[in-house]
Protein backbone atom coordinates (compact mmCIF):
# COMPACT_ATOMS: atom_id res chain seq x y z
CA UNK A 1 0.01 0.14 -0.04
CA UNK A 2 1.29 3.53 -0.89
CA UNK A 3 1.59 5.99 1.79
CA UNK A 4 0.74 9.52 0.58
CA UNK A 5 2.32 12.69 1.95
CA UNK A 6 1.03 16.19 1.54
CA UNK A 7 3.44 19.31 2.10
CA UNK A 8 5.91 17.45 4.03
CA UNK A 9 3.25 16.22 6.54
CA UNK A 10 2.83 12.31 7.16
CA UNK A 11 -0.37 10.48 6.55
CA UNK A 12 -2.92 10.58 9.29
CA UNK A 13 -2.58 6.93 10.15
CA UNK A 14 1.25 7.65 10.83
CA UNK A 15 0.73 10.27 13.30
CA UNK A 16 1.23 9.71 16.91
CA UNK A 17 -2.00 9.18 19.18
CA UNK A 18 -0.27 10.62 22.40
CA UNK A 19 -0.74 14.49 21.60
CA UNK A 20 -3.65 15.38 19.17
CA UNK A 21 -3.91 18.89 17.98
CA UNK A 22 -5.56 20.98 20.73
CA UNK A 23 -6.68 23.85 18.98
CA UNK A 24 -10.48 24.22 18.03
CA UNK A 25 -12.01 27.09 15.97
CA UNK A 26 -14.11 29.44 17.83
CA UNK A 27 -16.96 29.04 15.40
CA UNK A 28 -16.77 25.34 15.67
CA UNK A 29 -16.96 25.43 19.62
CA UNK A 30 -19.77 27.96 19.42
CA UNK A 31 -21.88 25.70 17.08
CA UNK A 32 -21.32 22.84 19.30
CA UNK A 33 -22.18 24.66 22.34
CA UNK A 34 -25.15 26.04 20.88
CA UNK A 35 -26.49 22.58 19.75
CA UNK A 36 -25.89 21.18 23.12
CA UNK A 37 -27.80 23.87 24.87
CA UNK A 38 -30.69 23.54 22.23
CA UNK A 39 -30.68 19.87 22.73
CA UNK A 40 -31.03 20.10 26.49
CA UNK A 41 -33.65 22.78 26.15
CA UNK A 42 -35.91 20.62 24.02
CA UNK A 43 -35.87 17.93 26.72
CA UNK A 44 -36.72 19.91 29.82
CA UNK A 45 -39.68 22.04 31.02
CA UNK A 46 -38.03 24.62 33.26
CA UNK A 47 -34.92 26.81 33.63
CA UNK A 48 -34.00 24.62 36.86
CA UNK A 49 -34.02 21.37 34.96
CA UNK A 50 -32.05 23.06 32.00
CA UNK A 51 -29.48 24.46 34.52
CA UNK A 52 -29.15 20.95 36.17
CA UNK A 53 -28.99 19.19 32.85
CA UNK A 54 -26.16 21.58 31.58
CA UNK A 55 -24.42 21.31 34.78
CA UNK A 56 -24.51 17.45 34.84
CA UNK A 57 -22.85 17.48 31.14
CA UNK A 58 -20.47 19.98 32.26
CA UNK A 59 -19.42 17.64 35.13
CA UNK A 60 -19.10 14.70 33.01
CA UNK A 61 -16.90 16.59 30.43
CA UNK A 62 -14.71 18.05 33.28
CA UNK A 63 -14.22 14.68 34.74
CA UNK A 64 -13.27 13.01 31.33
CA UNK A 65 -10.73 15.85 30.79
CA UNK A 66 -9.41 15.41 34.33
CA UNK A 67 -8.97 11.66 33.65
CA UNK A 68 -7.15 12.32 30.17
CA UNK A 69 -4.80 14.84 31.93
CA UNK A 70 -4.13 12.73 34.90
CA UNK A 71 -3.25 9.85 32.40
CA UNK A 72 -1.16 11.90 30.27
CA UNK A 73 0.74 13.96 32.86
CA UNK A 74 0.76 11.70 35.76
CA UNK A 75 0.69 8.23 34.25
CA UNK A 76 -2.67 7.73 36.17
CA UNK A 77 -1.31 8.83 39.53
CA UNK A 78 -3.84 11.00 41.44
CA UNK A 79 -2.52 13.61 43.65
CA UNK A 80 -3.91 13.57 47.27
CA UNK A 81 -2.22 16.55 48.81
CA UNK A 82 -4.04 19.78 48.29
CA UNK A 83 -0.77 21.87 47.24
CA UNK A 84 0.00 19.19 44.74
CA UNK A 85 -3.71 19.33 43.44
CA UNK A 86 -3.49 23.16 43.04
CA UNK A 87 -0.11 23.04 41.32
CA UNK A 88 -1.63 20.45 38.85
CA UNK A 89 -4.62 22.59 38.33
CA UNK A 90 -2.53 25.67 37.82
CA UNK A 91 0.02 24.11 35.34
CA UNK A 92 -1.69 21.28 33.38
CA UNK A 93 -5.32 21.87 33.59
CA UNK A 94 -5.10 25.64 32.89
CA UNK A 95 -2.91 25.17 30.10
CA UNK A 96 -5.24 22.57 28.61
CA UNK A 97 -8.23 24.84 28.98
CA UNK A 98 -6.78 28.30 28.08
CA UNK A 99 -3.48 27.57 26.52
CA UNK A 100 -1.25 28.84 29.00
CA UNK A 101 -0.33 28.33 32.76
CA UNK A 102 -2.15 30.31 35.45
CA UNK A 103 -0.20 33.41 36.43
CA UNK A 104 0.21 32.51 39.83
CA UNK A 105 -0.95 30.36 42.69
CA UNK A 106 -2.60 32.46 45.26
CA UNK A 107 -2.90 31.11 48.90
CA UNK A 108 -6.36 32.07 50.02
CA UNK A 109 -7.34 31.70 53.74
CA UNK A 110 -9.75 28.87 53.61
CA UNK A 111 -10.94 25.67 55.21
CA UNK A 112 -10.87 22.36 53.28
CA UNK A 113 -13.00 19.41 54.15
CA UNK A 114 -13.41 16.11 52.26
CA UNK A 115 -16.84 14.60 51.82
CA UNK A 116 -18.15 11.48 49.79
CA UNK A 117 -20.99 12.26 47.52
CA UNK A 118 -20.67 9.98 44.33
CA UNK A 119 -16.99 10.07 44.69
CA UNK A 120 -14.54 11.99 46.84
CA UNK A 121 -15.25 15.68 46.96
CA UNK A 122 -13.06 18.47 48.27
CA UNK A 123 -15.04 21.34 49.81
CA UNK A 124 -13.26 24.55 50.02
CA UNK A 125 -14.77 27.21 52.16
CA UNK A 126 -13.16 30.53 51.79
CA UNK A 127 -13.03 33.18 54.47
CA UNK A 128 -15.11 36.23 54.24
CA UNK A 129 -12.14 38.38 53.23
CA UNK A 130 -11.65 36.46 49.97
CA UNK A 131 -15.47 36.64 49.18
CA UNK A 132 -15.28 40.35 49.60
CA UNK A 133 -12.18 40.80 47.59
CA UNK A 134 -13.85 38.80 44.96
CA UNK A 135 -16.80 41.02 44.99
CA UNK A 136 -14.81 44.18 44.87
CA UNK A 137 -12.84 42.76 41.66
CA UNK A 138 -16.09 41.76 40.12
CA UNK A 139 -16.99 45.56 40.13
CA UNK A 140 -14.07 46.84 38.14
């Protein structure tokens, strides 16, 4: 079988599977997002149901993205320490979502507790000073 090359690039079957192209055009993303919202809207009867359905889909997408990144970056080993989790978010997850690392990792005063609800959940309750600061930044 003959292998075809175009403009110096190898055939699609010869490309490695480990790192696919991560860029998606904004118009393709907007179309997909619009279709997902319309699909969900056609199957619910209230705004609350729509919000719940979209949140559920977002949670599934986020969990899948997390699984892929943990597998790629950490060879399947999940972090258990809060600082290491935050660093993983700052570097790997932020870069996958926004194309660059987060500027800095702020240490906010907070209370972190672990709960079990369909899986392990870390609940971060920020001090009131953090909430006040965030609301002040929103007003800018």
